[in-house]
Protein backbone atom coordinates (compact mmCIF):
# COMPACT_ATOMS: atom_id res chain seq x y z
CA MET A 1 103.94 104.43 97.29
CA ALA A 2 103.66 100.74 96.43
CA ARG A 3 100.77 98.63 95.26
CA LEU A 4 100.21 94.87 95.37
CA VAL A 5 98.70 93.11 92.38
CA LEU A 6 97.61 89.45 92.29
CA TYR A 7 97.27 87.69 88.95
CA GLY A 8 97.31 84.30 87.33
CA VAL A 9 95.10 81.76 85.62
CA PRO A 10 92.35 80.64 88.00
CA LEU A 11 89.96 80.29 85.02
CA GLY A 12 91.60 82.20 82.16
CA PHE A 13 93.94 85.09 82.94
CA SER A 14 92.73 87.18 85.86
CA CYS A 15 94.21 90.18 87.65
CA SER A 16 93.22 92.15 90.74
CA GLU A 17 92.37 95.85 90.39
CA CYS A 18 95.24 97.70 88.76
CA PRO A 19 96.06 100.30 86.11
CA ARG A 20 95.88 99.17 82.48
CA GLU A 21 99.69 99.39 82.14
CA ASP A 22 100.08 96.86 84.98
CA TYR A 23 97.52 94.49 83.49
CA ARG A 24 99.14 94.48 80.06
CA PHE A 25 102.62 94.00 81.50
CA LEU A 26 101.71 91.32 84.06
CA GLU A 27 99.76 89.32 81.49
CA LEU A 28 103.11 88.69 79.73
CA ASN A 29 104.01 86.30 82.58
CA TYR A 30 101.46 83.81 81.22
CA VAL A 31 104.15 81.58 79.68
CA GLY A 32 103.46 77.86 79.41
CA ASN A 33 106.97 76.43 79.60
CA ARG A 34 108.23 78.07 82.82
CA LYS A 35 108.79 75.85 85.85
CA GLY A 36 109.09 76.46 89.59
CA ASN A 37 109.01 79.64 91.64
CA GLN A 38 110.71 82.73 90.26
CA LEU A 39 111.40 86.29 91.31
CA HIS A 40 111.43 88.79 88.43
CA ILE A 41 112.49 92.42 88.77
CA GLN A 42 111.64 94.57 85.78
CA ARG A 43 111.60 98.29 85.15
CA LEU A 44 109.52 99.91 82.43
CA PRO A 45 110.50 103.15 80.66
CA SER A 46 107.68 104.85 82.60
CA GLY A 47 109.67 104.29 85.82
CA SER A 48 107.37 101.56 87.14
CA VAL A 49 109.39 98.79 88.80
CA TYR A 50 107.73 95.37 89.13
CA TYR A 51 108.88 92.96 91.82
CA SER A 52 107.09 89.77 90.86
CA TYR A 53 106.90 86.47 92.69
CA LEU A 54 105.77 83.93 90.12
CA MET A 55 104.66 80.36 90.72
CA TYR A 56 104.68 77.89 87.87
CA PRO A 57 104.34 74.11 88.23
CA PRO A 58 107.44 72.35 89.50
CA GLU A 59 109.10 70.01 86.99
CA GLY A 60 106.91 66.92 86.58
CA LYS A 61 103.97 68.40 88.50
CA PHE A 62 100.71 70.10 87.53
CA PHE A 63 99.29 73.51 88.37
CA SER A 64 95.69 73.61 87.26
CA ASP A 65 92.97 76.20 87.05
CA SER A 66 89.79 75.87 89.11
CA ASN A 67 88.30 73.53 86.49
CA GLY A 68 91.30 71.20 86.58
CA ARG A 69 92.90 72.35 83.31
CA ALA A 70 96.73 72.23 83.52
CA GLY A 71 98.90 75.22 82.62
CA ALA A 72 97.99 77.67 85.38
CA PHE A 73 100.36 80.04 87.16
CA PHE A 74 100.10 82.54 90.00
CA GLY A 75 101.84 85.87 90.54
CA MET A 76 102.09 88.55 93.19
CA SER A 77 103.75 91.82 92.23
CA ILE A 78 104.74 94.83 94.25
CA VAL A 79 104.79 97.79 91.89
CA MET A 80 106.75 100.93 92.76
CA GLN A 81 107.36 104.17 90.90
CA ASP A 82 110.99 105.33 90.57
CA GLN A 83 111.99 103.33 93.64
CA VAL A 84 113.94 100.12 94.17
CA ILE A 85 114.03 97.49 96.89
CA THR A 86 117.69 96.91 97.61
CA ASP A 87 117.39 93.71 99.70
CA ILE A 88 116.15 91.06 97.29
CA ASN A 89 116.60 88.19 99.77
CA LYS A 90 114.30 89.93 102.24
CA LEU A 91 111.76 90.47 99.45
CA ALA A 92 111.86 86.80 98.41
CA GLN A 93 111.32 85.70 102.03
CA LEU A 94 108.41 88.13 102.41
CA PHE A 95 106.74 86.84 99.25
CA GLN A 96 107.20 83.21 100.34
CA LYS A 97 105.82 83.82 103.83
CA THR A 98 102.89 85.79 102.39
CA TYR A 99 102.10 82.92 100.03
CA GLN A 100 102.29 80.33 102.84
CA GLU A 101 100.09 82.30 105.23
CA HIS A 102 97.65 84.17 102.98
CA VAL A 103 97.39 82.43 99.60
CA LYS A 104 97.91 78.72 100.23
CA ASP A 105 94.59 76.97 101.00
CA LYS A 106 92.72 80.28 100.53
CA ILE A 107 93.32 80.88 96.81
CA ILE A 108 95.45 77.89 95.78
CA LYS A 109 95.22 74.34 97.09
CA GLU A 110 98.46 72.37 97.33
CA PHE A 111 98.26 68.60 97.27
CA PRO A 112 100.63 66.15 99.02
CA ASN A 113 101.95 65.01 95.61
CA GLY A 114 103.18 68.56 94.82
CA ASN A 115 100.39 69.49 92.41
CA LYS A 116 98.54 72.80 92.81
CA LYS A 117 95.04 73.95 91.88
CA PHE A 118 93.24 77.28 92.09
CA ILE A 119 90.23 77.14 94.40
CA VAL A 120 88.87 80.49 93.21
CA ASN A 121 87.57 81.31 89.71
CA SER A 122 88.88 84.87 89.53
CA LEU A 123 91.37 87.13 91.28
CA ARG A 124 89.32 90.19 90.35
CA SER A 125 86.19 91.16 92.24
CA ASN A 126 84.15 94.31 92.77
CA ASP A 127 85.65 94.77 96.24
CA ASP A 128 89.14 93.47 95.24
CA ARG A 129 88.94 91.24 98.32
CA TYR A 130 91.78 88.83 97.52
CA ALA A 131 94.37 91.54 96.88
CA ILE A 132 93.21 93.48 99.96
CA GLN A 133 93.36 90.37 102.19
CA VAL A 134 96.77 89.31 100.90
CA GLY A 135 98.07 92.89 101.10
CA ARG A 136 96.90 93.26 104.70
CA GLY A 137 98.49 89.92 105.49
CA MET A 138 101.78 91.06 103.95
CA VAL A 139 101.73 94.25 106.04
CA ASP A 140 101.02 92.21 109.19
CA ILE A 141 103.95 89.92 108.39
CA MET A 142 106.25 92.94 108.13
CA LYS A 143 104.91 94.37 111.43
CA ASN A 144 105.39 91.05 113.24
CA ASN A 145 108.73 90.26 111.55
CA PRO A 146 110.70 93.52 111.29
CA GLU A 147 113.52 91.64 109.57
CA LEU A 148 111.14 91.18 106.60
CA ASN A 149 110.08 94.83 106.35
CA ILE A 150 111.06 95.62 102.76
CA PHE A 151 110.26 99.31 103.20
CA ASN A 152 113.47 99.68 105.21
CA SER A 153 115.27 98.70 101.96
CA VAL A 154 113.56 101.09 99.54
CA LYS A 155 115.56 103.77 97.76
CA THR A 156 114.47 106.41 95.28
CA TYR A 157 116.61 106.47 92.17
CA ASN A 158 117.19 108.69 89.20
CA GLN A 159 118.02 107.55 85.68
CA ALA A 160 121.79 107.73 86.30
CA GLN A 161 121.46 105.25 89.17
CA VAL A 162 119.38 102.59 87.41
CA ASN A 163 122.36 100.33 86.63
CA GLN A 164 123.47 100.36 90.28
CA TYR A 165 120.50 98.28 91.33
CA ILE A 166 119.27 94.87 90.28
CA LEU A 167 116.69 95.62 87.61
CA ASN A 168 115.46 93.51 84.71
CA LYS A 169 116.67 90.31 86.40
CA LYS A 170 115.11 86.90 86.94
CA PHE A 171 115.91 84.55 89.82
CA LEU A 172 114.79 81.03 90.70
CA VAL A 173 113.41 80.91 94.25
CA LYS A 174 113.81 77.79 96.36
């Protein structure tokens, strides 16, 4: 079982519906000096594995909250329990396509000069509409593009296998 969590700084830190452990962990990605798009893979002692696509401002550009204050970031994480996604390239492509089709111009506005701005004030709502819409969009992308179906690359692991897989790594995404 996997869950999708959206988070970032649309007007202060905000996170879609998720367990408290997720919220506390994902909030740690609110780091002011990071630049560009990144893919982080991190495993907690509880067995939760976070596959996080993080967007920070590109070098020399601004990413602002909905009020225009610089220093925002956006993240999408797929959280799995005691499972790993073995095809990281496929995962990165899925995150990028999901952003392009279901986040850009719906949650975040991109300007021709490369700057970005949130167009929503919060990623959390009573009906969790943003995470549900983006999650449904991600599933549709996988249905329509079987080569991006990450669930064909999921493996269950035990503690002895943890070092076999890419865990606790950070990658820049182009």
